Amino acid sequence: MSALLAMTLLDSSHGGSVIIDWIEVQSASESVPLSMSVRSWFSVYGRPLLHC
């Protein structure tokens, strides 16, 4: 659910396709939870988008 929400939110922004690809790669990696990966990404790159 979180991943889907992130995809939808970022898809509306510029470079959404790149973000979706990144999420797909993280999802394939079972070593790190998807939610944690998305959270880490948001903490670094997501702040400007969320403030927009």
Protein backbone atom coordinates (compact mmCIF):
# COMPACT_ATOMS: atom_id res chain seq x y z
CA MET A 1 0.00 0.00 0.00
CA SER A 2 2.74 2.44 0.95
CA ALA A 3 4.62 1.64 -2.22
CA LEU A 4 1.54 2.18 -4.35
CA LEU A 5 0.91 5.52 -2.67
CA ALA A 6 4.50 6.60 -3.25
CA MET A 7 4.29 5.58 -6.90
CA THR A 8 1.10 7.55 -7.43
CA LEU A 9 2.44 10.62 -5.64
CA LEU A 10 5.78 10.62 -7.41
CA ASP A 11 4.23 9.71 -10.77
CA SER A 12 2.54 13.11 -10.74
CA SER A 13 5.92 14.75 -10.22
CA HIS A 14 8.79 15.08 -12.69
CA GLY A 15 10.89 11.95 -13.17
CA GLY A 16 8.14 9.74 -11.79
CA SER A 17 9.15 6.89 -14.07
CA VAL A 18 12.66 6.91 -12.61
CA ILE A 19 11.29 6.75 -9.09
CA ILE A 20 8.97 3.85 -9.99
CA ASP A 21 11.92 1.95 -11.48
CA TRP A 22 13.90 2.57 -8.29
CA ILE A 23 11.00 1.30 -6.18
CA GLU A 24 10.73 -1.82 -8.35
CA VAL A 25 14.44 -2.54 -7.83
CA GLN A 26 14.11 -2.07 -4.08
CA SER A 27 11.03 -4.28 -4.04
CA ALA A 28 12.96 -7.07 -5.78
CA SER A 29 15.60 -6.88 -3.05
CA GLU A 30 14.33 -8.99 -0.16
CA SER A 31 17.24 -7.95 2.05
CA VAL A 32 15.57 -4.60 2.78
CA PRO A 33 11.82 -4.05 3.35
CA LEU A 34 10.14 -1.98 0.63
CA SER A 35 8.55 0.37 3.13
CA MET A 36 11.95 1.08 4.68
CA SER A 37 13.53 1.73 1.28
CA VAL A 38 10.78 4.15 0.31
CA ARG A 39 11.05 5.83 3.68
CA SER A 40 14.81 6.28 3.26
CA TRP A 41 14.27 7.74 -0.21
CA PHE A 42 11.64 10.18 1.06
CA SER A 43 13.89 11.33 3.89
CA VAL A 44 16.51 12.33 1.30
CA TYR A 45 14.61 13.24 -1.88
CA GLY A 46 10.94 13.20 -0.91
CA ARG A 47 10.93 16.25 1.34
CA PRO A 48 10.77 18.85 -1.49
CA LEU A 49 7.98 16.88 -3.21
CA LEU A 50 5.97 16.57 -0.01
CA HIS A 51 6.35 20.30 0.71
CA CYS A 52 5.27 21.20 -2.85
